[in-house]
Amino acid sequence: MDSYWHSRCLKCSCCQAQLGEIGTSCYTKSGMILCRNDYIRLFGNSGACSACGQSIPASELVMRAQGNVYHLKCFTCSTCQNRLVPGDRFHYINGSLFCEHDRPTAVINSHLNSLQTNPLLPDQKLESL
């Protein structure tokens, strides 16, 4: 963030709160300037991968499923361990990821309402509003 702002001009990209006050934190992500509340709302506050628990750098691309955030390398099928990539279809069942080929058929037949099928899209910790 190699830019300068008048204190009255530095505002959160989401809520337009002024961020120029001394002691006010601001965050930058995906070309946005954010207040603390909007940063946490959009990106979560853990910053950790749901699969491996390791920290995710702010500049790293991530994958998301049901509010969980994953490193690209950790977003894998629970059965075959193949990496799920943008364009793949996956199933998120009881906290586990499954590729289209390995989805549990017993779960599909008995719990269709709890099954979510989602196309993958790359993400930089930002979900569309």
C-alpha atoms as a PDB file:
ATOM      1  CA  MET A   1       0.000   0.000   0.000  1.00  0.00           C
ATOM      2  CA  ASP A   2       2.281   2.734  -1.267  1.00  0.00           C
ATOM      3  CA  SER A   3      -0.329   5.477  -1.392  1.00  0.00           C
ATOM      4  CA  TYR A   4      -1.202   8.532   0.643  1.00  0.00           C
ATOM      5  CA  TRP A   5      -4.611   9.828   1.705  1.00  0.00           C
ATOM      6  CA  HIS A   6      -5.992  12.837   3.509  1.00  0.00           C
ATOM      7  CA  SER A   7      -7.276  11.575   6.867  1.00  0.00           C
ATOM      8  CA  ARG A   8     -10.857  12.464   5.834  1.00  0.00           C
ATOM      9  CA  CYS A   9     -10.477  10.568   2.521  1.00  0.00           C
ATOM     10  CA  LEU A  10      -9.273   7.219   3.893  1.00  0.00           C
ATOM     11  CA  LYS A  11     -12.493   5.191   4.124  1.00  0.00           C
ATOM     12  CA  CYS A  12     -13.493   1.540   4.350  1.00  0.00           C
ATOM     13  CA  SER A  13     -14.411   0.188   0.899  1.00  0.00           C
ATOM     14  CA  CYS A  14     -17.469  -1.574   2.356  1.00  0.00           C
ATOM     15  CA  CYS A  15     -19.049   0.613   5.028  1.00  0.00           C
ATOM     16  CA  GLN A  16     -17.395   3.957   4.166  1.00  0.00           C
ATOM     17  CA  ALA A  17     -16.245   4.459   7.790  1.00  0.00           C
ATOM     18  CA  GLN A  18     -13.414   6.978   8.036  1.00  0.00           C
ATOM     19  CA  LEU A  19     -10.130   5.246   8.846  1.00  0.00           C
ATOM     20  CA  GLY A  20      -7.873   8.287   9.124  1.00  0.00           C
ATOM     21  CA  GLU A  21      -8.227   8.681  12.888  1.00  0.00           C
ATOM     22  CA  ILE A  22      -5.069   8.012  14.913  1.00  0.00           C
ATOM     23  CA  GLY A  23      -5.260   4.531  16.394  1.00  0.00           C
ATOM     24  CA  THR A  24      -7.754   3.254  13.821  1.00  0.00           C
ATOM     25  CA  SER A  25      -6.629   0.048  12.122  1.00  0.00           C
ATOM     26  CA  CYS A  26      -7.132  -0.482   8.439  1.00  0.00           C
ATOM     27  CA  TYR A  27      -6.531  -3.557   6.322  1.00  0.00           C
ATOM     28  CA  THR A  28      -5.869  -3.956   2.608  1.00  0.00           C
ATOM     29  CA  LYS A  29      -6.952  -6.991   0.650  1.00  0.00           C
ATOM     30  CA  SER A  30      -7.904  -7.632  -2.972  1.00  0.00           C
ATOM     31  CA  GLY A  31      -7.556  -3.948  -3.812  1.00  0.00           C
ATOM     32  CA  MET A  32      -9.862  -2.864  -0.993  1.00  0.00           C
ATOM     33  CA  ILE A  33      -9.174  -0.820   2.116  1.00  0.00           C
ATOM     34  CA  LEU A  34     -11.195  -2.194   5.022  1.00  0.00           C
ATOM     35  CA  CYS A  35     -12.027  -1.440   8.633  1.00  0.00           C
ATOM     36  CA  ARG A  36     -11.407  -4.222  11.148  1.00  0.00           C
ATOM     37  CA  ASN A  37     -15.073  -5.299  11.293  1.00  0.00           C
ATOM     38  CA  ASP A  38     -15.453  -5.618   7.521  1.00  0.00           C
ATOM     39  CA  TYR A  39     -12.097  -7.401   7.176  1.00  0.00           C
ATOM     40  CA  ILE A  40     -13.168 -10.012   9.745  1.00  0.00           C
ATOM     41  CA  ARG A  41     -16.637 -10.288   8.189  1.00  0.00           C
ATOM     42  CA  LEU A  42     -15.203 -10.911   4.710  1.00  0.00           C
ATOM     43  CA  PHE A  43     -12.071 -12.883   5.461  1.00  0.00           C
ATOM     44  CA  GLY A  44     -12.517 -14.309   8.951  1.00  0.00           C
ATOM     45  CA  ASN A  45     -10.112 -13.714  11.767  1.00  0.00           C
ATOM     46  CA  SER A  46      -8.382 -17.066  12.070  1.00  0.00           C
ATOM     47  CA  GLY A  47      -6.276 -16.855   8.911  1.00  0.00           C
ATOM     48  CA  ALA A  48      -5.720 -20.592   9.231  1.00  0.00           C
ATOM     49  CA  CYS A  49      -6.379 -23.389   6.759  1.00  0.00           C
ATOM     50  CA  SER A  50      -9.299 -25.600   7.816  1.00  0.00           C
ATOM     51  CA  ALA A  51      -7.446 -28.719   6.627  1.00  0.00           C
ATOM     52  CA  CYS A  52      -3.890 -28.311   7.944  1.00  0.00           C
ATOM     53  CA  GLY A  53      -4.328 -25.543  10.514  1.00  0.00           C
ATOM     54  CA  GLN A  54      -1.356 -23.593   9.158  1.00  0.00           C
ATOM     55  CA  SER A  55      -1.480 -19.843   8.614  1.00  0.00           C
ATOM     56  CA  ILE A  56      -2.586 -18.550   5.216  1.00  0.00           C
ATOM     57  CA  PRO A  57      -0.653 -15.490   4.015  1.00  0.00           C
ATOM     58  CA  ALA A  58      -2.878 -12.555   3.081  1.00  0.00           C
ATOM     59  CA  SER A  59      -1.657 -12.587  -0.535  1.00  0.00           C
ATOM     60  CA  GLU A  60      -2.295 -16.310  -1.113  1.00  0.00           C
ATOM     61  CA  LEU A  61      -5.207 -17.604  -3.193  1.00  0.00           C
ATOM     62  CA  VAL A  62      -7.576 -19.821  -1.219  1.00  0.00           C
ATOM     63  CA  MET A  63     -10.554 -22.115  -1.703  1.00  0.00           C
ATOM     64  CA  ARG A  64     -13.711 -21.907   0.418  1.00  0.00           C
ATOM     65  CA  ALA A  65     -16.441 -24.372   1.360  1.00  0.00           C
ATOM     66  CA  GLN A  66     -19.230 -23.680   3.846  1.00  0.00           C
ATOM     67  CA  GLY A  67     -17.341 -20.799   5.434  1.00  0.00           C
ATOM     68  CA  ASN A  68     -14.112 -22.778   5.794  1.00  0.00           C
ATOM     69  CA  VAL A  69     -10.917 -21.546   4.134  1.00  0.00           C
ATOM     70  CA  TYR A  70      -8.258 -23.835   2.619  1.00  0.00           C
ATOM     71  CA  HIS A  71      -4.817 -23.519   1.021  1.00  0.00           C
ATOM     72  CA  LEU A  72      -5.092 -24.509  -2.645  1.00  0.00           C
ATOM     73  CA  LYS A  73      -2.880 -27.544  -1.955  1.00  0.00           C
ATOM     74  CA  CYS A  74      -5.079 -28.626   0.986  1.00  0.00           C
ATOM     75  CA  PHE A  75      -8.399 -28.468  -0.854  1.00  0.00           C
ATOM     76  CA  THR A  76      -8.492 -32.199  -1.618  1.00  0.00           C
ATOM     77  CA  CYS A  77     -10.955 -35.074  -1.794  1.00  0.00           C
ATOM     78  CA  SER A  78     -11.189 -36.879   1.560  1.00  0.00           C
ATOM     79  CA  THR A  79     -11.201 -40.268  -0.191  1.00  0.00           C
ATOM     80  CA  CYS A  80      -8.684 -40.151  -3.062  1.00  0.00           C
ATOM     81  CA  GLN A  81      -6.673 -37.103  -1.858  1.00  0.00           C
ATOM     82  CA  ASN A  82      -6.766 -35.596  -5.373  1.00  0.00           C
ATOM     83  CA  ARG A  83      -6.609 -31.829  -5.368  1.00  0.00           C
ATOM     84  CA  LEU A  84      -9.851 -30.098  -6.291  1.00  0.00           C
ATOM     85  CA  VAL A  85      -9.253 -27.258  -8.723  1.00  0.00           C
ATOM     86  CA  PRO A  86     -11.400 -24.453 -10.155  1.00  0.00           C
ATOM     87  CA  GLY A  87     -14.055 -25.940 -12.431  1.00  0.00           C
ATOM     88  CA  ASP A  88     -14.259 -29.250 -10.535  1.00  0.00           C
ATOM     89  CA  ARG A  89     -17.523 -30.166  -8.848  1.00  0.00           C
ATOM     90  CA  PHE A  90     -17.288 -31.228  -5.247  1.00  0.00           C
ATOM     91  CA  HIS A  91     -19.507 -32.308  -2.377  1.00  0.00           C
ATOM     92  CA  TYR A  92     -19.160 -30.984   1.159  1.00  0.00           C
ATOM     93  CA  ILE A  93     -20.627 -33.547   3.553  1.00  0.00           C
ATOM     94  CA  ASN A  94     -20.333 -33.366   7.338  1.00  0.00           C
ATOM     95  CA  GLY A  95     -17.182 -31.259   7.146  1.00  0.00           C
ATOM     96  CA  SER A  96     -15.447 -33.390   4.505  1.00  0.00           C
ATOM     97  CA  LEU A  97     -14.757 -32.653   0.844  1.00  0.00           C
ATOM     98  CA  PHE A  98     -15.414 -35.250  -1.853  1.00  0.00           C
ATOM     99  CA  CYS A  99     -14.752 -35.161  -5.586  1.00  0.00           C
ATOM    100  CA  GLU A 100     -17.616 -36.037  -7.927  1.00  0.00           C
ATOM    101  CA  HIS A 101     -16.256 -39.581  -8.372  1.00  0.00           C
ATOM    102  CA  ASP A 102     -15.837 -40.361  -4.662  1.00  0.00           C
ATOM    103  CA  ARG A 103     -19.000 -38.887  -3.191  1.00  0.00           C
ATOM    104  CA  PRO A 104     -20.493 -41.344  -0.695  1.00  0.00           C
ATOM    105  CA  THR A 105     -23.520 -42.893  -2.402  1.00  0.00           C
ATOM    106  CA  ALA A 106     -25.081 -43.996   0.901  1.00  0.00           C
ATOM    107  CA  VAL A 107     -25.044 -40.418   2.112  1.00  0.00           C
ATOM    108  CA  ILE A 108     -26.495 -39.155  -1.160  1.00  0.00           C
ATOM    109  CA  ASN A 109     -29.350 -41.661  -1.053  1.00  0.00           C
ATOM    110  CA  SER A 110     -30.267 -41.097   2.602  1.00  0.00           C
ATOM    111  CA  HIS A 111     -29.412 -37.442   3.204  1.00  0.00           C
ATOM    112  CA  LEU A 112     -29.984 -35.518  -0.010  1.00  0.00           C
ATOM    113  CA  ASN A 113     -31.023 -32.423   1.905  1.00  0.00           C
ATOM    114  CA  SER A 114     -27.643 -32.144   3.667  1.00  0.00           C
ATOM    115  CA  LEU A 115     -25.647 -32.579   0.454  1.00  0.00           C
ATOM    116  CA  GLN A 116     -24.205 -29.543  -1.261  1.00  0.00           C
ATOM    117  CA  THR A 117     -22.755 -29.700  -4.745  1.00  0.00           C
ATOM    118  CA  ASN A 118     -20.667 -26.687  -5.662  1.00  0.00           C
ATOM    119  CA  PRO A 119     -18.553 -25.596  -8.610  1.00  0.00           C
ATOM    120  CA  LEU A 120     -15.124 -24.382  -7.566  1.00  0.00           C
ATOM    121  CA  LEU A 121     -14.006 -20.842  -8.146  1.00  0.00           C
ATOM    122  CA  PRO A 122     -10.664 -19.422  -7.032  1.00  0.00           C
ATOM    123  CA  ASP A 123     -10.909 -16.879  -4.271  1.00  0.00           C
ATOM    124  CA  GLN A 124      -8.667 -14.451  -2.439  1.00  0.00           C
ATOM    125  CA  LYS A 125     -10.491 -14.795   0.862  1.00  0.00           C
ATOM    126  CA  LEU A 126     -13.320 -12.695  -0.517  1.00  0.00           C
ATOM    127  CA  GLU A 127     -16.855 -13.898  -1.006  1.00  0.00           C
ATOM    128  CA  SER A 128     -19.245 -11.997  -3.246  1.00  0.00           C
ATOM    129  CA  LEU A 129     -21.820  -9.981  -1.393  1.00  0.00           C
END
